[in-house]
C-alpha atoms as a PDB file:
ATOM      1  CA  MET A   1     112.995  89.499  69.605  1.00  0.00           C
ATOM      2  CA  GLN A   2     113.396  92.654  71.587  1.00  0.00           C
ATOM      3  CA  GLU A   3     112.125  94.755  68.947  1.00  0.00           C
ATOM      4  CA  ILE A   4     109.073  92.237  68.128  1.00  0.00           C
ATOM      5  CA  LEU A   5     108.140  92.414  72.014  1.00  0.00           C
ATOM      6  CA  LEU A   6     108.029  96.032  71.663  1.00  0.00           C
ATOM      7  CA  GLY A   7     105.911  96.419  68.626  1.00  0.00           C
ATOM      8  CA  ILE A   8     103.149  93.750  70.295  1.00  0.00           C
ATOM      9  CA  ILE A   9     103.131  97.083  73.115  1.00  0.00           C
ATOM     10  CA  GLN A  10     103.556  99.390  70.334  1.00  0.00           C
ATOM     11  CA  GLY A  11      99.959  98.021  69.269  1.00  0.00           C
ATOM     12  CA  LEU A  12      97.855  97.533  71.974  1.00  0.00           C
ATOM     13  CA  THR A  13      98.822 100.786  74.181  1.00  0.00           C
ATOM     14  CA  GLU A  14      99.404 102.917  70.861  1.00  0.00           C
ATOM     15  CA  PHE A  15      95.103 103.507  71.042  1.00  0.00           C
ATOM     16  CA  LEU A  16      94.603 102.179  74.619  1.00  0.00           C
ATOM     17  CA  PRO A  17      94.560 105.109  77.035  1.00  0.00           C
ATOM     18  CA  VAL A  18      97.455 103.913  78.543  1.00  0.00           C
ATOM     19  CA  SER A  19     100.404 105.678  76.667  1.00  0.00           C
ATOM     20  CA  SER A  20     102.388 103.634  74.720  1.00  0.00           C
ATOM     21  CA  SER A  21     105.567 105.668  74.685  1.00  0.00           C
ATOM     22  CA  GLY A  22     105.623 105.357  78.695  1.00  0.00           C
ATOM     23  CA  HIS A  23     105.384 101.754  77.892  1.00  0.00           C
ATOM     24  CA  LEU A  24     107.966 101.699  75.293  1.00  0.00           C
ATOM     25  CA  ALA A  25     110.134 103.409  77.944  1.00  0.00           C
ATOM     26  CA  LEU A  26     109.091 101.040  80.750  1.00  0.00           C
ATOM     27  CA  PHE A  27     109.359  98.039  78.665  1.00  0.00           C
ATOM     28  CA  SER A  28     112.917  99.200  77.123  1.00  0.00           C
ATOM     29  CA  LYS A  29     113.953  99.788  80.311  1.00  0.00           C
ATOM     30  CA  LEU A  30     112.790  96.355  81.553  1.00  0.00           C
ATOM     31  CA  ILE A  31     114.391  94.406  78.792  1.00  0.00           C
ATOM     32  CA  ASN A  32     117.571  96.673  78.699  1.00  0.00           C
ATOM     33  CA  PHE A  33     116.903  98.261  75.620  1.00  0.00           C
ATOM     34  CA  ASP A  34     118.412 101.274  74.419  1.00  0.00           C
ATOM     35  CA  PRO A  35     115.438 103.908  74.047  1.00  0.00           C
ATOM     36  CA  ASN A  36     115.768 104.501  70.191  1.00  0.00           C
ATOM     37  CA  VAL A  37     112.972 107.485  69.228  1.00  0.00           C
ATOM     38  CA  SER A  38     113.631 106.733  64.842  1.00  0.00           C
ATOM     39  CA  PHE A  39     112.538 102.606  65.802  1.00  0.00           C
ATOM     40  CA  PHE A  40     109.712 104.502  68.169  1.00  0.00           C
ATOM     41  CA  ALA A  41     108.224 106.921  65.726  1.00  0.00           C
ATOM     42  CA  PHE A  42     108.229 103.957  62.484  1.00  0.00           C
ATOM     43  CA  LEU A  43     106.936 101.914  65.214  1.00  0.00           C
ATOM     44  CA  HIS A  44     104.000 105.491  65.328  1.00  0.00           C
ATOM     45  CA  LEU A  45     103.392 105.254  61.266  1.00  0.00           C
ATOM     46  CA  MET A  46     102.754 101.347  61.456  1.00  0.00           C
ATOM     47  CA  THR A  47      99.470 102.529  63.791  1.00  0.00           C
ATOM     48  CA  PHE A  48      99.004 105.058  61.478  1.00  0.00           C
ATOM     49  CA  PHE A  49      97.788 101.752  58.912  1.00  0.00           C
ATOM     50  CA  ALA A  50      95.795 100.691  61.493  1.00  0.00           C
ATOM     51  CA  VAL A  51      94.380 104.226  62.344  1.00  0.00           C
ATOM     52  CA  LEU A  52      93.552 104.841  58.463  1.00  0.00           C
ATOM     53  CA  LEU A  53      92.054 101.147  58.350  1.00  0.00           C
ATOM     54  CA  PHE A  54      89.778 101.704  60.998  1.00  0.00           C
ATOM     55  CA  VAL A  55      88.680 105.650  60.166  1.00  0.00           C
ATOM     56  CA  TYR A  56      88.852 105.400  56.272  1.00  0.00           C
ATOM     57  CA  LYS A  57      84.760 105.963  55.727  1.00  0.00           C
ATOM     58  CA  GLU A  58      85.733 109.492  57.096  1.00  0.00           C
ATOM     59  CA  VAL A  59      89.275 109.896  55.012  1.00  0.00           C
ATOM     60  CA  TRP A  60      87.456 108.922  51.901  1.00  0.00           C
ATOM     61  CA  PHE A  61      84.513 111.639  53.100  1.00  0.00           C
ATOM     62  CA  ILE A  62      87.156 114.337  53.206  1.00  0.00           C
ATOM     63  CA  LEU A  63      89.837 113.273  50.269  1.00  0.00           C
ATOM     64  CA  LYS A  64      86.441 113.641  47.996  1.00  0.00           C
ATOM     65  CA  GLY A  65      84.877 115.799  49.906  1.00  0.00           C
ATOM     66  CA  MET A  66      87.968 118.046  49.583  1.00  0.00           C
ATOM     67  CA  PHE A  67      88.168 117.636  45.463  1.00  0.00           C
ATOM     68  CA  THR A  68      83.928 118.607  45.068  1.00  0.00           C
ATOM     69  CA  GLY A  69      84.394 121.227  46.894  1.00  0.00           C
ATOM     70  CA  LYS A  70      82.110 120.040  50.051  1.00  0.00           C
ATOM     71  CA  LYS A  71      82.608 123.160  52.826  1.00  0.00           C
ATOM     72  CA  ASP A  72      81.665 120.086  55.911  1.00  0.00           C
ATOM     73  CA  ALA A  73      84.677 117.946  54.501  1.00  0.00           C
ATOM     74  CA  TRP A  74      87.178 121.358  53.753  1.00  0.00           C
ATOM     75  CA  ASN A  75      86.051 122.226  57.728  1.00  0.00           C
ATOM     76  CA  LEU A  76      86.727 119.187  59.114  1.00  0.00           C
ATOM     77  CA  ALA A  77      90.033 118.648  57.437  1.00  0.00           C
ATOM     78  CA  LEU A  78      90.640 122.394  58.489  1.00  0.00           C
ATOM     79  CA  LYS A  79      89.823 121.334  62.069  1.00  0.00           C
ATOM     80  CA  ILE A  80      91.850 118.214  62.387  1.00  0.00           C
ATOM     81  CA  ILE A  81      95.142 120.306  60.926  1.00  0.00           C
ATOM     82  CA  VAL A  82      94.469 122.689  63.206  1.00  0.00           C
ATOM     83  CA  SER A  83      94.395 120.455  66.417  1.00  0.00           C
ATOM     84  CA  SER A  84      97.718 119.296  64.855  1.00  0.00           C
ATOM     85  CA  ILE A  85      99.831 122.017  64.848  1.00  0.00           C
ATOM     86  CA  PRO A  86     100.428 122.359  68.883  1.00  0.00           C
ATOM     87  CA  ALA A  87     101.984 118.462  68.730  1.00  0.00           C
ATOM     88  CA  ALA A  88     103.885 119.435  66.468  1.00  0.00           C
ATOM     89  CA  PHE A  89     105.436 122.406  67.494  1.00  0.00           C
ATOM     90  CA  ILE A  90     106.111 120.969  70.834  1.00  0.00           C
ATOM     91  CA  GLY A  91     107.581 118.372  69.100  1.00  0.00           C
ATOM     92  CA  LEU A  92     109.859 120.176  67.212  1.00  0.00           C
ATOM     93  CA  MET A  93     111.022 123.072  69.791  1.00  0.00           C
ATOM     94  CA  PHE A  94     111.148 120.447  72.604  1.00  0.00           C
ATOM     95  CA  GLU A  95     113.124 117.171  70.697  1.00  0.00           C
ATOM     96  CA  ASN A  96     115.699 117.285  73.314  1.00  0.00           C
ATOM     97  CA  GLN A  97     113.890 117.121  76.040  1.00  0.00           C
ATOM     98  CA  ILE A  98     111.320 114.545  74.452  1.00  0.00           C
ATOM     99  CA  SER A  99     114.468 111.783  74.181  1.00  0.00           C
ATOM    100  CA  GLU A 100     115.459 112.991  77.663  1.00  0.00           C
ATOM    101  CA  ALA A 101     112.055 112.455  78.982  1.00  0.00           C
ATOM    102  CA  PHE A 102     112.386 108.298  77.734  1.00  0.00           C
ATOM    103  CA  SER A 103     115.345 107.678  79.773  1.00  0.00           C
ATOM    104  CA  SER A 104     114.158 109.284  83.505  1.00  0.00           C
ATOM    105  CA  LEU A 105     111.518 106.553  84.766  1.00  0.00           C
ATOM    106  CA  LYS A 106     110.703 108.723  86.996  1.00  0.00           C
ATOM    107  CA  LEU A 107     109.244 111.485  84.975  1.00  0.00           C
ATOM    108  CA  VAL A 108     107.618 108.568  83.344  1.00  0.00           C
ATOM    109  CA  GLY A 109     105.653 107.863  86.338  1.00  0.00           C
ATOM    110  CA  VAL A 110     104.931 111.293  86.904  1.00  0.00           C
ATOM    111  CA  PHE A 111     103.061 110.930  83.677  1.00  0.00           C
ATOM    112  CA  PHE A 112     101.795 108.182  83.904  1.00  0.00           C
ATOM    113  CA  LEU A 113      99.361 109.810  86.756  1.00  0.00           C
ATOM    114  CA  PHE A 114      98.355 112.478  84.878  1.00  0.00           C
ATOM    115  CA  THR A 115      96.349 110.219  82.900  1.00  0.00           C
ATOM    116  CA  SER A 116      95.322 107.970  85.577  1.00  0.00           C
ATOM    117  CA  ILE A 117      92.555 111.212  86.498  1.00  0.00           C
ATOM    118  CA  ALA A 118      91.969 112.223  82.882  1.00  0.00           C
ATOM    119  CA  MET A 119      90.846 108.253  81.937  1.00  0.00           C
ATOM    120  CA  ILE A 120      89.251 108.250  85.971  1.00  0.00           C
ATOM    121  CA  LEU A 121      87.192 111.672  85.336  1.00  0.00           C
ATOM    122  CA  SER A 122      86.524 110.681  80.952  1.00  0.00           C
ATOM    123  CA  ASP A 123      83.481 108.421  82.302  1.00  0.00           C
ATOM    124  CA  ARG A 124      81.840 111.888  83.603  1.00  0.00           C
ATOM    125  CA  PHE A 125      81.682 113.267  80.080  1.00  0.00           C
ATOM    126  CA  ASN A 126      78.225 112.463  77.854  1.00  0.00           C
ATOM    127  CA  GLY A 127      78.405 115.417  75.370  1.00  0.00           C
ATOM    128  CA  LYS A 128      75.427 116.678  72.400  1.00  0.00           C
ATOM    129  CA  LYS A 129      78.534 117.619  69.897  1.00  0.00           C
ATOM    130  CA  GLU A 130      78.359 115.386  67.034  1.00  0.00           C
ATOM    131  CA  LEU A 131      81.219 115.151  64.721  1.00  0.00           C
ATOM    132  CA  MET A 132      81.019 117.973  62.715  1.00  0.00           C
ATOM    133  CA  ASP A 133      79.870 120.261  64.926  1.00  0.00           C
ATOM    134  CA  ILE A 134      83.123 120.385  66.962  1.00  0.00           C
ATOM    135  CA  THR A 135      84.270 124.016  66.513  1.00  0.00           C
ATOM    136  CA  TYR A 136      87.388 126.073  65.600  1.00  0.00           C
ATOM    137  CA  ILE A 137      88.482 126.499  69.655  1.00  0.00           C
ATOM    138  CA  ASP A 138      87.095 122.981  70.191  1.00  0.00           C
ATOM    139  CA  ALA A 139      90.073 122.021  67.446  1.00  0.00           C
ATOM    140  CA  ILE A 140      92.659 124.298  69.561  1.00  0.00           C
ATOM    141  CA  ILE A 141      91.942 123.113  72.576  1.00  0.00           C
ATOM    142  CA  ILE A 142      91.636 119.306  71.657  1.00  0.00           C
ATOM    143  CA  GLY A 143      95.266 119.539  69.884  1.00  0.00           C
ATOM    144  CA  LEU A 144      96.379 121.224  72.946  1.00  0.00           C
ATOM    145  CA  PHE A 145      95.504 118.480  75.103  1.00  0.00           C
ATOM    146  CA  GLN A 146      97.354 116.284  72.152  1.00  0.00           C
ATOM    147  CA  ALA A 147     100.587 117.744  72.630  1.00  0.00           C
ATOM    148  CA  ALA A 148     101.366 117.315  76.275  1.00  0.00           C
ATOM    149  CA  SER A 149     100.627 113.405  74.642  1.00  0.00           C
ATOM    150  CA  ILE A 150     104.537 113.771  73.007  1.00  0.00           C
ATOM    151  CA  PHE A 151     105.580 112.895  76.661  1.00  0.00           C
ATOM    152  CA  PRO A 152     106.086 109.728  77.458  1.00  0.00           C
ATOM    153  CA  GLY A 153     103.008 108.200  80.001  1.00  0.00           C
ATOM    154  CA  ILE A 154     101.096 111.058  79.021  1.00  0.00           C
ATOM    155  CA  SER A 155      98.306 109.036  76.448  1.00  0.00           C
ATOM    156  CA  ARG A 156      97.537 110.641  73.098  1.00  0.00           C
ATOM    157  CA  SER A 157      94.494 108.029  72.768  1.00  0.00           C
ATOM    158  CA  GLY A 158      93.123 109.443  76.517  1.00  0.00           C
ATOM    159  CA  PHE A 159      94.069 113.155  76.164  1.00  0.00           C
ATOM    160  CA  THR A 160      92.344 113.984  73.245  1.00  0.00           C
ATOM    161  CA  LEU A 161      89.227 111.721  74.321  1.00  0.00           C
ATOM    162  CA  PHE A 162      89.630 113.608  77.626  1.00  0.00           C
ATOM    163  CA  GLY A 163      89.737 117.304  75.529  1.00  0.00           C
ATOM    164  CA  ALA A 164      87.346 116.052  73.410  1.00  0.00           C
ATOM    165  CA  LEU A 165      84.288 115.114  76.317  1.00  0.00           C
ATOM    166  CA  LEU A 166      85.638 118.272  77.807  1.00  0.00           C
ATOM    167  CA  MET A 167      84.045 120.086  75.071  1.00  0.00           C
ATOM    168  CA  ASN A 168      81.104 118.834  75.751  1.00  0.00           C
ATOM    169  CA  THR A 169      80.991 115.811  72.779  1.00  0.00           C
ATOM    170  CA  LYS A 170      79.624 112.587  71.732  1.00  0.00           C
ATOM    171  CA  LYS A 171      81.686 110.106  73.401  1.00  0.00           C
ATOM    172  CA  GLU A 172      81.988 108.014  69.866  1.00  0.00           C
ATOM    173  CA  ALA A 173      82.512 111.509  67.679  1.00  0.00           C
ATOM    174  CA  ALA A 174      85.366 112.401  69.916  1.00  0.00           C
ATOM    175  CA  LEU A 175      86.333 108.659  69.479  1.00  0.00           C
ATOM    176  CA  LYS A 176      86.564 109.819  65.650  1.00  0.00           C
ATOM    177  CA  TYR A 177      87.980 112.801  65.996  1.00  0.00           C
ATOM    178  CA  SER A 178      91.114 111.589  68.329  1.00  0.00           C
ATOM    179  CA  PHE A 179      91.066 108.679  65.969  1.00  0.00           C
ATOM    180  CA  LEU A 180      91.285 111.289  62.444  1.00  0.00           C
ATOM    181  CA  MET A 181      93.792 113.428  63.986  1.00  0.00           C
ATOM    182  CA  SER A 182      96.352 111.294  65.318  1.00  0.00           C
ATOM    183  CA  LEU A 183      96.863 110.355  61.145  1.00  0.00           C
ATOM    184  CA  PRO A 184      99.041 113.751  60.599  1.00  0.00           C
ATOM    185  CA  VAL A 185     100.716 113.470  63.659  1.00  0.00           C
ATOM    186  CA  THR A 186     102.263 109.077  63.237  1.00  0.00           C
ATOM    187  CA  PHE A 187     102.873 110.388  59.790  1.00  0.00           C
ATOM    188  CA  GLY A 188     104.423 112.930  60.216  1.00  0.00           C
ATOM    189  CA  ALA A 189     106.486 112.119  62.772  1.00  0.00           C
ATOM    190  CA  GLY A 190     106.630 108.537  61.791  1.00  0.00           C
ATOM    191  CA  MET A 191     107.980 110.406  58.136  1.00  0.00           C
ATOM    192  CA  LEU A 192     110.085 112.731  59.774  1.00  0.00           C
ATOM    193  CA  GLU A 193     112.589 109.605  61.766  1.00  0.00           C
ATOM    194  CA  ILE A 194     112.238 107.220  58.983  1.00  0.00           C
ATOM    195  CA  HIS A 195     115.795 106.917  57.272  1.00  0.00           C
ATOM    196  CA  LYS A 196     117.243 106.723  60.558  1.00  0.00           C
ATOM    197  CA  VAL A 197     115.190 103.379  61.023  1.00  0.00           C
ATOM    198  CA  ASN A 198     117.985 100.380  60.347  1.00  0.00           C
ATOM    199  CA  PHE A 199     115.383  97.892  58.678  1.00  0.00           C
ATOM    200  CA  THR A 200     116.639  94.827  59.884  1.00  0.00           C
ATOM    201  CA  ALA A 201     114.425  91.740  59.931  1.00  0.00           C
ATOM    202  CA  PRO A 202     113.460  92.291  63.396  1.00  0.00           C
ATOM    203  CA  VAL A 203     112.066  95.658  63.149  1.00  0.00           C
ATOM    204  CA  ILE A 204     110.397  94.626  60.037  1.00  0.00           C
ATOM    205  CA  TYR A 205     108.690  91.928  62.025  1.00  0.00           C
ATOM    206  CA  SER A 206     107.702  94.871  64.760  1.00  0.00           C
ATOM    207  CA  GLY A 207     105.904  96.918  62.014  1.00  0.00           C
ATOM    208  CA  ILE A 208     103.594  94.508  61.086  1.00  0.00           C
ATOM    209  CA  PHE A 209     103.419  92.872  64.687  1.00  0.00           C
ATOM    210  CA  THR A 210     102.375  96.837  66.088  1.00  0.00           C
ATOM    211  CA  PHE A 211      99.583  96.900  63.018  1.00  0.00           C
ATOM    212  CA  ILE A 212      97.993  94.107  63.733  1.00  0.00           C
ATOM    213  CA  PHE A 213      97.870  94.759  67.404  1.00  0.00           C
ATOM    214  CA  GLY A 214      96.792  98.297  66.855  1.00  0.00           C
ATOM    215  CA  VAL A 215      93.405  97.178  64.966  1.00  0.00           C
ATOM    216  CA  LEU A 216      93.423  95.087  67.777  1.00  0.00           C
ATOM    217  CA  GLY A 217      93.349  98.175  70.237  1.00  0.00           C
ATOM    218  CA  LEU A 218      91.133 100.172  67.887  1.00  0.00           C
ATOM    219  CA  PHE A 219      88.549  98.179  68.851  1.00  0.00           C
ATOM    220  CA  ILE A 220      88.890  97.676  72.497  1.00  0.00           C
ATOM    221  CA  LEU A 221      89.541 101.616  72.958  1.00  0.00           C
ATOM    222  CA  LYS A 222      86.189 101.975  70.762  1.00  0.00           C
ATOM    223  CA  LYS A 223      84.325  99.484  72.788  1.00  0.00           C
ATOM    224  CA  THR A 224      85.347 100.571  76.158  1.00  0.00           C
ATOM    225  CA  VAL A 225      84.612 104.568  75.300  1.00  0.00           C
ATOM    226  CA  ILE A 226      81.252 103.562  74.092  1.00  0.00           C
ATOM    227  CA  ASN A 227      80.365 101.325  77.812  1.00  0.00           C
ATOM    228  CA  GLY A 228      81.324 104.187  79.901  1.00  0.00           C
ATOM    229  CA  LYS A 229      85.035 102.047  81.118  1.00  0.00           C
ATOM    230  CA  LEU A 230      87.781 104.204  80.634  1.00  0.00           C
ATOM    231  CA  LYS A 231      88.016 104.746  84.234  1.00  0.00           C
ATOM    232  CA  TYR A 232      89.779 101.020  84.646  1.00  0.00           C
ATOM    233  CA  PHE A 233      92.734 102.424  82.424  1.00  0.00           C
ATOM    234  CA  GLY A 234      93.147 103.942  84.814  1.00  0.00           C
ATOM    235  CA  TYR A 235      93.494 102.248  87.687  1.00  0.00           C
ATOM    236  CA  TYR A 236      95.785 100.520  85.424  1.00  0.00           C
ATOM    237  CA  THR A 237      98.304 103.475  84.498  1.00  0.00           C
ATOM    238  CA  ILE A 238      98.031 104.170  88.649  1.00  0.00           C
ATOM    239  CA  ILE A 239      99.830 100.462  88.467  1.00  0.00           C
ATOM    240  CA  ALA A 240     102.054 101.622  85.159  1.00  0.00           C
ATOM    241  CA  ALA A 241     103.326 104.775  87.655  1.00  0.00           C
ATOM    242  CA  ILE A 242     104.220 103.316  90.805  1.00  0.00           C
ATOM    243  CA  LEU A 243     106.575  99.719  89.037  1.00  0.00           C
ATOM    244  CA  SER A 244     108.438 103.041  86.928  1.00  0.00           C
ATOM    245  CA  PHE A 245     109.080 104.839  90.211  1.00  0.00           C
ATOM    246  CA  ILE A 246     110.754 101.717  91.781  1.00  0.00           C
ATOM    247  CA  VAL A 247     112.388 100.131  88.880  1.00  0.00           C
END
């Protein structure tokens, strides 16, 4: 039952800019569930499939274009790879520190506050760049924001959105790029740890619930970004930070 609850939390919070890893750490503490990085990586892998369903047109454009030699498709694919490098590097170099961060709720609370600031500021930006206008320099900078989100409490979707908006990207384009660049990270993290997962029935059910609620979270985030309401998630993560400090 604990695994299923955490699957629902992961699905809803992976794409809502409130930090799924921070919520997993917080609720694991509340329900006395021993933090398990491999189990959390499996849940992230299930959100990979939710994103794939949501951006399948763009993924198909990239795959088809790469096989047919379309320059735009290759450029977009390479930019996504460039954006993924910082997170992969930090994940490998600081694996032990990341695991320890999941056990420190006060540290999670500090990271929640970083997410709050980013979300409150995000609504102020409304750029002009379309998806294909994102440059390689933009991709590196957005990738650095994604790398920071490896630590629990910092929202991956929130920070990558914030990074893309800072680079003068339109809200919908920033949203799509954030989703696309999550694919290699969530897939890679999941595949690296999946051999350590004990696939009991509750774990399998948790993966199913993660996928279902992940799709729901994606639709909520899209409407929130387009309507300029990200600041409300910033207010929410302030509450989450306070709760992390007092638990």
